[in-house]
Amino acid sequence: MHMLSDAELSRAIAAQAGEALLNLRSAFGDLDPADKDRANELRKSGDRTAHELIAEFLAQHRPQDALLSEEGADDDRRLSADRVWIVDPLDGTWEYGQGRADFAVHVALWLPATKSLAACTVDLPAQGISRSMLDEVGAPAALPANRPIRIVASRTRPPATLPAAVALLAERLEIAGISEQGVEIVDVGSVGAKVNEMLCGRAEGYVHDTGFYEWDVAAPYGVAAHYGFLACHVDGAPVTFNHMPPYVTDLIVAHPRIAPLLLECLAEAAQQ
């Protein structure tokens, strides 16, 4: 593995962490939905297992690089590092403990000198899918003609203005001759799983405005951009990483065909 490129290493590490998470959940056996303590034990074990695996591999194969992980102690020395791995060992921890498939492993590399993401991987082990900057991609698929445009949002923290923005977007899409099928909101777990819904052609946008951490965002952001989707703040500004604290205020990921109108409608809805 020492001969692998950064992107190859990222993909391999994410896949191994994902496999470890599946094996751990299988070893726990069937969980009683009412047994919250057992489910929480699985979640904590999953977070710890995946973090330790990723940290060990990066320490072995990229020992000079800094690591920012949800499950690791933060070290402000990363602020002056040339290379910073931004990792969420288990994104969608709640869903993982529920036995669901919409959880992910996020691995991304931030290069401060160029303010760019590299080597991004979103591994969805329970779905058997790995999304990476190594993937050969073309333009995003055409918008659906037989269903509403779908905007993915958090199950627990959807934007308060999203229903108003979606209503505006449906009108604008019809006026522009882009879609007459309307727009609907759907919820999915992990940020990586949300982005994957778009990459699979099951959704066209994702909006979040109540904040989250850099490890939630970095790998999905890089993968979405690699696949040709717009990824930015809700005001259209690019998202940057490796801050202190490592916090991202908001995010939009959207199919390029609807992205300008979605940004416009979000801005108008916020002013109502």
C-alpha atoms as a PDB file:
ATOM      1  CA  MET A   1       0.000   0.000   0.000  1.00  0.00           C
ATOM      2  CA  HIS A   2       3.020   2.305   0.379  1.00  0.00           C
ATOM      3  CA  MET A   3       3.167   2.601  -3.426  1.00  0.00           C
ATOM      4  CA  LEU A   4      -0.392   3.884  -3.724  1.00  0.00           C
ATOM      5  CA  SER A   5      -1.196   7.444  -4.745  1.00  0.00           C
ATOM      6  CA  ASP A   6      -3.096   9.635  -2.296  1.00  0.00           C
ATOM      7  CA  ALA A   7      -6.381   8.945  -4.071  1.00  0.00           C
ATOM      8  CA  GLU A   8      -5.747   5.197  -4.181  1.00  0.00           C
ATOM      9  CA  LEU A   9      -4.801   5.199  -0.511  1.00  0.00           C
ATOM     10  CA  SER A  10      -7.932   7.160   0.376  1.00  0.00           C
ATOM     11  CA  ARG A  11     -10.161   4.707  -1.457  1.00  0.00           C
ATOM     12  CA  ALA A  12      -8.431   1.657   0.023  1.00  0.00           C
ATOM     13  CA  ILE A  13      -8.561   2.980   3.583  1.00  0.00           C
ATOM     14  CA  ALA A  14     -12.234   3.960   3.305  1.00  0.00           C
ATOM     15  CA  ALA A  15     -13.101   0.526   1.922  1.00  0.00           C
ATOM     16  CA  GLN A  16     -11.300  -1.257   4.756  1.00  0.00           C
ATOM     17  CA  ALA A  17     -12.983   0.918   7.369  1.00  0.00           C
ATOM     18  CA  GLY A  18     -16.348   0.246   5.729  1.00  0.00           C
ATOM     19  CA  GLU A  19     -15.755  -3.490   5.749  1.00  0.00           C
ATOM     20  CA  ALA A  20     -14.791  -3.326   9.417  1.00  0.00           C
ATOM     21  CA  LEU A  21     -18.033  -1.475  10.190  1.00  0.00           C
ATOM     22  CA  LEU A  22     -20.125  -4.105   8.431  1.00  0.00           C
ATOM     23  CA  ASN A  23     -18.304  -6.927  10.203  1.00  0.00           C
ATOM     24  CA  LEU A  24     -18.783  -5.227  13.564  1.00  0.00           C
ATOM     25  CA  ARG A  25     -22.504  -4.711  13.006  1.00  0.00           C
ATOM     26  CA  SER A  26     -22.883  -8.304  11.890  1.00  0.00           C
ATOM     27  CA  ALA A  27     -21.077  -9.503  15.021  1.00  0.00           C
ATOM     28  CA  PHE A  28     -23.529  -7.571  17.182  1.00  0.00           C
ATOM     29  CA  GLY A  29     -26.359  -9.615  15.674  1.00  0.00           C
ATOM     30  CA  ASP A  30     -29.973  -8.540  15.425  1.00  0.00           C
ATOM     31  CA  LEU A  31     -30.719  -5.508  17.564  1.00  0.00           C
ATOM     32  CA  ASP A  32     -34.003  -4.998  19.380  1.00  0.00           C
ATOM     33  CA  PRO A  33     -35.228  -1.512  18.329  1.00  0.00           C
ATOM     34  CA  ALA A  34     -36.183  -0.914  21.956  1.00  0.00           C
ATOM     35  CA  ASP A  35     -32.679  -1.720  23.217  1.00  0.00           C
ATOM     36  CA  LYS A  36     -31.173   1.762  22.966  1.00  0.00           C
ATOM     37  CA  ASP A  37     -28.181   0.903  25.147  1.00  0.00           C
ATOM     38  CA  ARG A  38     -27.126  -1.921  22.848  1.00  0.00           C
ATOM     39  CA  ALA A  39     -27.572   0.271  19.755  1.00  0.00           C
ATOM     40  CA  ASN A  40     -25.505   3.034  21.330  1.00  0.00           C
ATOM     41  CA  GLU A  41     -22.806   0.519  22.215  1.00  0.00           C
ATOM     42  CA  LEU A  42     -22.675  -0.486  18.543  1.00  0.00           C
ATOM     43  CA  ARG A  43     -22.451   3.153  17.452  1.00  0.00           C
ATOM     44  CA  LYS A  44     -19.595   3.924  19.835  1.00  0.00           C
ATOM     45  CA  SER A  45     -17.757   0.754  18.854  1.00  0.00           C
ATOM     46  CA  GLY A  46     -18.199   1.588  15.168  1.00  0.00           C
ATOM     47  CA  ASP A  47     -16.868   5.122  15.574  1.00  0.00           C
ATOM     48  CA  ARG A  48     -13.844   3.902  17.536  1.00  0.00           C
ATOM     49  CA  THR A  49     -13.050   0.919  15.312  1.00  0.00           C
ATOM     50  CA  ALA A  50     -13.161   2.874  12.044  1.00  0.00           C
ATOM     51  CA  HIS A  51     -11.186   5.808  13.471  1.00  0.00           C
ATOM     52  CA  GLU A  52      -8.423   3.616  14.836  1.00  0.00           C
ATOM     53  CA  LEU A  53      -8.118   1.746  11.549  1.00  0.00           C
ATOM     54  CA  ILE A  54      -7.912   4.931   9.471  1.00  0.00           C
ATOM     55  CA  ALA A  55      -5.530   6.683  11.862  1.00  0.00           C
ATOM     56  CA  GLU A  56      -3.230   3.655  11.930  1.00  0.00           C
ATOM     57  CA  PHE A  57      -3.064   3.387   8.138  1.00  0.00           C
ATOM     58  CA  LEU A  58      -2.412   7.093   7.658  1.00  0.00           C
ATOM     59  CA  ALA A  59       0.263   7.080  10.369  1.00  0.00           C
ATOM     60  CA  GLN A  60       1.941   4.176   8.589  1.00  0.00           C
ATOM     61  CA  HIS A  61       1.683   5.393   5.000  1.00  0.00           C
ATOM     62  CA  ARG A  62       1.570   9.208   5.331  1.00  0.00           C
ATOM     63  CA  PRO A  63       3.352   9.805   8.661  1.00  0.00           C
ATOM     64  CA  GLN A  64       4.164  13.474   7.942  1.00  0.00           C
ATOM     65  CA  ASP A  65       0.557  14.433   7.243  1.00  0.00           C
ATOM     66  CA  ALA A  66      -1.875  15.931   9.765  1.00  0.00           C
ATOM     67  CA  LEU A  67      -5.174  14.277  10.615  1.00  0.00           C
ATOM     68  CA  LEU A  68      -8.491  15.905  11.513  1.00  0.00           C
ATOM     69  CA  SER A  69     -10.982  13.197  12.510  1.00  0.00           C
ATOM     70  CA  GLU A  70     -14.331  13.391  14.242  1.00  0.00           C
ATOM     71  CA  GLU A  71     -13.177  10.726  16.684  1.00  0.00           C
ATOM     72  CA  GLY A  72      -9.650  12.019  17.278  1.00  0.00           C
ATOM     73  CA  ALA A  73      -8.278  14.755  19.533  1.00  0.00           C
ATOM     74  CA  ASP A  74      -7.885  17.969  17.555  1.00  0.00           C
ATOM     75  CA  ASP A  75      -4.372  19.394  17.308  1.00  0.00           C
ATOM     76  CA  ASP A  76      -3.892  22.984  16.188  1.00  0.00           C
ATOM     77  CA  ARG A  77      -0.583  22.017  14.559  1.00  0.00           C
ATOM     78  CA  ARG A  78      -2.711  20.980  11.587  1.00  0.00           C
ATOM     79  CA  LEU A  79      -3.238  24.697  10.883  1.00  0.00           C
ATOM     80  CA  SER A  80       0.378  24.999   9.699  1.00  0.00           C
ATOM     81  CA  ALA A  81       0.567  21.574   8.029  1.00  0.00           C
ATOM     82  CA  ASP A  82       1.124  21.195   4.277  1.00  0.00           C
ATOM     83  CA  ARG A  83      -1.330  18.295   4.011  1.00  0.00           C
ATOM     84  CA  VAL A  84      -4.346  17.569   6.208  1.00  0.00           C
ATOM     85  CA  TRP A  85      -6.505  14.458   6.008  1.00  0.00           C
ATOM     86  CA  ILE A  86     -10.108  15.249   7.000  1.00  0.00           C
ATOM     87  CA  VAL A  87     -11.912  12.091   8.044  1.00  0.00           C
ATOM     88  CA  ASP A  88     -15.295  11.023   9.325  1.00  0.00           C
ATOM     89  CA  PRO A  89     -14.820   7.349  10.222  1.00  0.00           C
ATOM     90  CA  LEU A  90     -18.574   6.813  10.486  1.00  0.00           C
ATOM     91  CA  ASP A  91     -20.891   9.469   9.085  1.00  0.00           C
ATOM     92  CA  GLY A  92     -24.494   8.621   9.822  1.00  0.00           C
ATOM     93  CA  THR A  93     -23.786   7.027  13.189  1.00  0.00           C
ATOM     94  CA  TRP A  94     -27.460   7.033  14.140  1.00  0.00           C
ATOM     95  CA  GLU A  95     -28.442   5.261  10.931  1.00  0.00           C
ATOM     96  CA  TYR A  96     -25.645   2.731  11.421  1.00  0.00           C
ATOM     97  CA  GLY A  97     -27.038   1.845  14.839  1.00  0.00           C
ATOM     98  CA  GLN A  98     -30.509   1.429  13.361  1.00  0.00           C
ATOM     99  CA  GLY A  99     -29.288  -1.164  10.882  1.00  0.00           C
ATOM    100  CA  ARG A 100     -29.841   1.181   7.947  1.00  0.00           C
ATOM    101  CA  ALA A 101     -27.741   1.451   4.793  1.00  0.00           C
ATOM    102  CA  ASP A 102     -27.416   5.256   4.576  1.00  0.00           C
ATOM    103  CA  PHE A 103     -24.164   5.648   6.513  1.00  0.00           C
ATOM    104  CA  ALA A 104     -20.703   6.262   5.070  1.00  0.00           C
ATOM    105  CA  VAL A 105     -16.973   6.545   5.600  1.00  0.00           C
ATOM    106  CA  HIS A 106     -15.474   9.898   4.518  1.00  0.00           C
ATOM    107  CA  VAL A 107     -11.786  10.343   3.693  1.00  0.00           C
ATOM    108  CA  ALA A 108     -10.446  13.549   2.098  1.00  0.00           C
ATOM    109  CA  LEU A 109      -7.118  15.339   1.763  1.00  0.00           C
ATOM    110  CA  TRP A 110      -6.940  19.135   2.104  1.00  0.00           C
ATOM    111  CA  LEU A 111      -4.026  20.965   0.492  1.00  0.00           C
ATOM    112  CA  PRO A 112      -3.703  24.390   2.176  1.00  0.00           C
ATOM    113  CA  ALA A 113      -1.261  25.818  -0.374  1.00  0.00           C
ATOM    114  CA  THR A 114      -3.820  25.567  -3.168  1.00  0.00           C
ATOM    115  CA  LYS A 115      -6.932  25.636  -0.950  1.00  0.00           C
ATOM    116  CA  SER A 116      -8.147  22.511  -2.657  1.00  0.00           C
ATOM    117  CA  LEU A 117      -9.452  19.061  -1.817  1.00  0.00           C
ATOM    118  CA  ALA A 118      -7.790  15.937  -3.193  1.00  0.00           C
ATOM    119  CA  ALA A 119      -8.059  12.179  -2.760  1.00  0.00           C
ATOM    120  CA  CYS A 120     -11.712  12.334  -1.679  1.00  0.00           C
ATOM    121  CA  THR A 121     -13.609   9.096  -1.067  1.00  0.00           C
ATOM    122  CA  VAL A 122     -17.147   8.432   0.145  1.00  0.00           C
ATOM    123  CA  ASP A 123     -17.569   4.739   0.867  1.00  0.00           C
ATOM    124  CA  LEU A 124     -21.098   3.414   1.447  1.00  0.00           C
ATOM    125  CA  PRO A 125     -20.338  -0.094   2.704  1.00  0.00           C
ATOM    126  CA  ALA A 126     -23.906  -1.302   3.254  1.00  0.00           C
ATOM    127  CA  GLN A 127     -24.782  -0.242  -0.311  1.00  0.00           C
ATOM    128  CA  GLY A 128     -21.655  -1.732  -1.858  1.00  0.00           C
ATOM    129  CA  ILE A 129     -20.759   1.643  -3.383  1.00  0.00           C
ATOM    130  CA  SER A 130     -17.540   3.648  -3.277  1.00  0.00           C
ATOM    131  CA  ARG A 131     -17.404   7.148  -4.774  1.00  0.00           C
ATOM    132  CA  SER A 132     -13.950   8.542  -5.416  1.00  0.00           C
ATOM    133  CA  MET A 133     -12.034  11.198  -7.293  1.00  0.00           C
ATOM    134  CA  LEU A 134     -10.542   8.268  -9.190  1.00  0.00           C
ATOM    135  CA  ASP A 135     -13.908   7.521 -10.804  1.00  0.00           C
ATOM    136  CA  GLU A 136     -14.182   8.212 -14.518  1.00  0.00           C
ATOM    137  CA  VAL A 137     -17.175  10.479 -14.906  1.00  0.00           C
ATOM    138  CA  GLY A 138     -19.011  12.451 -17.537  1.00  0.00           C
ATOM    139  CA  ALA A 139     -21.592  15.183 -17.190  1.00  0.00           C
ATOM    140  CA  PRO A 140     -24.382  14.615 -14.644  1.00  0.00           C
ATOM    141  CA  ALA A 141     -27.358  12.718 -16.012  1.00  0.00           C
ATOM    142  CA  ALA A 142     -30.257  14.623 -17.517  1.00  0.00           C
ATOM    143  CA  LEU A 143     -32.965  15.797 -15.146  1.00  0.00           C
ATOM    144  CA  PRO A 144     -35.822  13.317 -14.634  1.00  0.00           C
ATOM    145  CA  ALA A 145     -38.867  13.730 -16.850  1.00  0.00           C
ATOM    146  CA  ASN A 146     -41.187  11.345 -14.979  1.00  0.00           C
ATOM    147  CA  ARG A 147     -40.954  12.510 -11.360  1.00  0.00           C
ATOM    148  CA  PRO A 148     -40.535  15.688  -9.295  1.00  0.00           C
ATOM    149  CA  ILE A 149     -37.135  17.238  -8.785  1.00  0.00           C
ATOM    150  CA  ARG A 150     -35.907  16.018  -5.398  1.00  0.00           C
ATOM    151  CA  ILE A 151     -34.070  18.096  -2.814  1.00  0.00           C
ATOM    152  CA  VAL A 152     -32.456  16.091  -0.025  1.00  0.00           C
ATOM    153  CA  ALA A 153     -32.403  17.525   3.495  1.00  0.00           C
ATOM    154  CA  SER A 154     -31.529  16.436   6.990  1.00  0.00           C
ATOM    155  CA  ARG A 155     -34.079  14.217   8.682  1.00  0.00           C
ATOM    156  CA  THR A 156     -33.699  16.073  12.004  1.00  0.00           C
ATOM    157  CA  ARG A 157     -32.503  19.556  10.983  1.00  0.00           C
ATOM    158  CA  PRO A 158     -33.982  20.574   7.616  1.00  0.00           C
ATOM    159  CA  PRO A 159     -33.674  24.266   6.681  1.00  0.00           C
ATOM    160  CA  ALA A 160     -36.654  26.221   8.019  1.00  0.00           C
ATOM    161  CA  THR A 161     -36.980  28.135   4.743  1.00  0.00           C
ATOM    162  CA  LEU A 162     -36.650  25.088   2.480  1.00  0.00           C
ATOM    163  CA  PRO A 163     -40.410  24.534   1.912  1.00  0.00           C
ATOM    164  CA  ALA A 164     -40.764  28.127   0.717  1.00  0.00           C
ATOM    165  CA  ALA A 165     -37.643  27.832  -1.444  1.00  0.00           C
ATOM    166  CA  VAL A 166     -38.916  24.577  -2.958  1.00  0.00           C
ATOM    167  CA  ALA A 167     -42.267  26.183  -3.835  1.00  0.00           C
ATOM    168  CA  LEU A 168     -40.434  29.022  -5.570  1.00  0.00           C
ATOM    169  CA  LEU A 169     -38.137  26.587  -7.333  1.00  0.00           C
ATOM    170  CA  ALA A 170     -41.059  24.575  -8.734  1.00  0.00           C
ATOM    171  CA  GLU A 171     -42.503  27.752 -10.249  1.00  0.00           C
ATOM    172  CA  ARG A 172     -39.176  28.913 -11.698  1.00  0.00           C
ATOM    173  CA  LEU A 173     -38.365  25.522 -13.196  1.00  0.00           C
ATOM    174  CA  GLU A 174     -41.725  25.422 -14.942  1.00  0.00           C
ATOM    175  CA  ILE A 175     -41.404  28.995 -16.236  1.00  0.00           C
ATOM    176  CA  ALA A 176     -37.900  28.216 -17.542  1.00  0.00           C
ATOM    177  CA  GLY A 177     -39.180  25.112 -19.317  1.00  0.00           C
ATOM    178  CA  ILE A 178     -36.839  22.901 -17.306  1.00  0.00           C
ATOM    179  CA  SER A 179     -39.367  20.767 -15.419  1.00  0.00           C
ATOM    180  CA  GLU A 180     -43.123  20.675 -14.952  1.00  0.00           C
ATOM    181  CA  GLN A 181     -43.071  17.846 -12.400  1.00  0.00           C
ATOM    182  CA  GLY A 182     -42.756  20.010  -9.288  1.00  0.00           C
ATOM    183  CA  VAL A 183     -40.196  19.712  -6.492  1.00  0.00           C
ATOM    184  CA  GLU A 184     -40.268  17.521  -3.377  1.00  0.00           C
ATOM    185  CA  ILE A 185     -38.139  17.213  -0.233  1.00  0.00           C
ATOM    186  CA  VAL A 186     -36.739  13.850   0.876  1.00  0.00           C
ATOM    187  CA  ASP A 187     -34.609  12.903   3.871  1.00  0.00           C
ATOM    188  CA  VAL A 188     -31.520  10.674   3.930  1.00  0.00           C
ATOM    189  CA  GLY A 189     -28.919  10.040   6.668  1.00  0.00           C
ATOM    190  CA  SER A 190     -25.195  10.641   6.098  1.00  0.00           C
ATOM    191  CA  VAL A 191     -24.007  13.624   4.039  1.00  0.00           C
ATOM    192  CA  GLY A 192     -22.158  11.118   1.879  1.00  0.00           C
ATOM    193  CA  ALA A 193     -25.363   9.138   1.411  1.00  0.00           C
ATOM    194  CA  LYS A 194     -27.216  12.334   0.476  1.00  0.00           C
ATOM    195  CA  VAL A 195     -24.669  13.176  -2.205  1.00  0.00           C
ATOM    196  CA  ASN A 196     -24.798   9.609  -3.459  1.00  0.00           C
ATOM    197  CA  GLU A 197     -28.545   9.966  -4.017  1.00  0.00           C
ATOM    198  CA  MET A 198     -27.680  12.648  -6.579  1.00  0.00           C
ATOM    199  CA  LEU A 199     -24.881  10.648  -8.147  1.00  0.00           C
ATOM    200  CA  CYS A 200     -27.296   7.727  -8.562  1.00  0.00           C
ATOM    201  CA  GLY A 201     -29.876   9.993 -10.230  1.00  0.00           C
ATOM    202  CA  ARG A 202     -32.406   9.726  -7.404  1.00  0.00           C
ATOM    203  CA  ALA A 203     -32.144  13.386  -6.306  1.00  0.00           C
ATOM    204  CA  GLU A 204     -30.969  16.677  -7.770  1.00  0.00           C
ATOM    205  CA  GLY A 205     -30.044  18.842  -4.797  1.00  0.00           C
ATOM    206  CA  TYR A 206     -29.044  18.943  -1.142  1.00  0.00           C
ATOM    207  CA  VAL A 207     -29.402  21.912   1.192  1.00  0.00           C
ATOM    208  CA  HIS A 208     -28.253  22.315   4.799  1.00  0.00           C
ATOM    209  CA  ASP A 209     -28.115  25.618   6.694  1.00  0.00           C
ATOM    210  CA  THR A 210     -27.775  24.787  10.407  1.00  0.00           C
ATOM    211  CA  GLY A 211     -24.072  23.962  10.381  1.00  0.00           C
ATOM    212  CA  PHE A 212     -21.933  20.872  10.746  1.00  0.00           C
ATOM    213  CA  TYR A 213     -18.274  19.904  10.941  1.00  0.00           C
ATOM    214  CA  GLU A 214     -15.642  19.756   8.246  1.00  0.00           C
ATOM    215  CA  TRP A 215     -15.404  15.958   8.435  1.00  0.00           C
ATOM    216  CA  ASP A 216     -19.117  15.761   7.564  1.00  0.00           C
ATOM    217  CA  VAL A 217     -18.566  17.821   4.432  1.00  0.00           C
ATOM    218  CA  ALA A 218     -15.055  17.498   2.962  1.00  0.00           C
ATOM    219  CA  ALA A 219     -15.161  14.137   1.182  1.00  0.00           C
ATOM    220  CA  PRO A 220     -18.757  14.469  -0.134  1.00  0.00           C
ATOM    221  CA  TYR A 221     -17.969  18.023  -1.285  1.00  0.00           C
ATOM    222  CA  GLY A 222     -14.918  16.881  -3.243  1.00  0.00           C
ATOM    223  CA  VAL A 223     -16.673  13.880  -4.749  1.00  0.00           C
ATOM    224  CA  ALA A 224     -19.732  15.914  -5.781  1.00  0.00           C
ATOM    225  CA  ALA A 225     -17.550  18.497  -7.523  1.00  0.00           C
ATOM    226  CA  HIS A 226     -15.611  15.704  -9.259  1.00  0.00           C
ATOM    227  CA  TYR A 227     -18.905  14.367 -10.620  1.00  0.00           C
ATOM    228  CA  GLY A 228     -19.819  17.781 -12.049  1.00  0.00           C
ATOM    229  CA  PHE A 229     -22.270  19.009  -9.396  1.00  0.00           C
ATOM    230  CA  LEU A 230     -22.160  22.479  -7.905  1.00  0.00           C
ATOM    231  CA  ALA A 231     -20.928  22.411  -4.288  1.00  0.00           C
ATOM    232  CA  CYS A 232     -20.733  25.664  -2.316  1.00  0.00           C
ATOM    233  CA  HIS A 233     -22.168  27.732   0.531  1.00  0.00           C
ATOM    234  CA  VAL A 234     -25.816  28.766   0.160  1.00  0.00           C
ATOM    235  CA  ASP A 235     -24.634  32.223  -0.933  1.00  0.00           C
ATOM    236  CA  GLY A 236     -22.586  30.670  -3.750  1.00  0.00           C
ATOM    237  CA  ALA A 237     -19.169  31.090  -2.096  1.00  0.00           C
ATOM    238  CA  PRO A 238     -16.779  28.118  -2.102  1.00  0.00           C
ATOM    239  CA  VAL A 239     -16.330  26.120   1.100  1.00  0.00           C
ATOM    240  CA  THR A 240     -12.804  26.017   2.519  1.00  0.00           C
ATOM    241  CA  PHE A 241     -11.414  23.682   5.151  1.00  0.00           C
ATOM    242  CA  ASN A 242      -8.911  23.233   7.986  1.00  0.00           C
ATOM    243  CA  HIS A 243     -10.238  26.051  10.150  1.00  0.00           C
ATOM    244  CA  MET A 244     -10.303  26.401  13.916  1.00  0.00           C
ATOM    245  CA  PRO A 245     -12.858  25.404  14.942  1.00  0.00           C
ATOM    246  CA  PRO A 246     -13.435  23.015  12.000  1.00  0.00           C
ATOM    247  CA  TYR A 247     -16.982  24.184  11.306  1.00  0.00           C
ATOM    248  CA  VAL A 248     -18.982  24.646   8.092  1.00  0.00           C
ATOM    249  CA  THR A 249     -21.981  26.955   8.421  1.00  0.00           C
ATOM    250  CA  ASP A 250     -24.041  25.765   5.459  1.00  0.00           C
ATOM    251  CA  LEU A 251     -23.894  23.817   2.216  1.00  0.00           C
ATOM    252  CA  ILE A 252     -25.638  23.332  -1.088  1.00  0.00           C
ATOM    253  CA  VAL A 253     -24.908  20.569  -3.592  1.00  0.00           C
ATOM    254  CA  ALA A 254     -26.934  20.688  -6.783  1.00  0.00           C
ATOM    255  CA  HIS A 255     -27.274  19.440 -10.319  1.00  0.00           C
ATOM    256  CA  PRO A 256     -25.804  22.179 -12.567  1.00  0.00           C
ATOM    257  CA  ARG A 257     -29.083  22.485 -14.488  1.00  0.00           C
ATOM    258  CA  ILE A 258     -30.998  23.638 -11.414  1.00  0.00           C
ATOM    259  CA  ALA A 259     -28.197  25.122  -9.309  1.00  0.00           C
ATOM    260  CA  PRO A 260     -28.583  28.831 -10.308  1.00  0.00           C
ATOM    261  CA  LEU A 261     -32.338  28.768  -9.708  1.00  0.00           C
ATOM    262  CA  LEU A 262     -31.968  26.875  -6.425  1.00  0.00           C
ATOM    263  CA  LEU A 263     -29.483  29.463  -5.124  1.00  0.00           C
ATOM    264  CA  GLU A 264     -31.801  32.247  -6.213  1.00  0.00           C
ATOM    265  CA  CYS A 265     -34.853  30.679  -4.541  1.00  0.00           C
ATOM    266  CA  LEU A 266     -32.983  30.004  -1.295  1.00  0.00           C
ATOM    267  CA  ALA A 267     -31.935  33.655  -1.130  1.00  0.00           C
ATOM    268  CA  GLU A 268     -35.483  34.872  -1.773  1.00  0.00           C
ATOM    269  CA  ALA A 269     -37.010  32.484   0.757  1.00  0.00           C
ATOM    270  CA  ALA A 270     -34.545  33.643   3.415  1.00  0.00           C
ATOM    271  CA  GLN A 271     -35.731  37.230   2.922  1.00  0.00           C
ATOM    272  CA  GLN A 272     -39.449  36.446   3.247  1.00  0.00           C
END
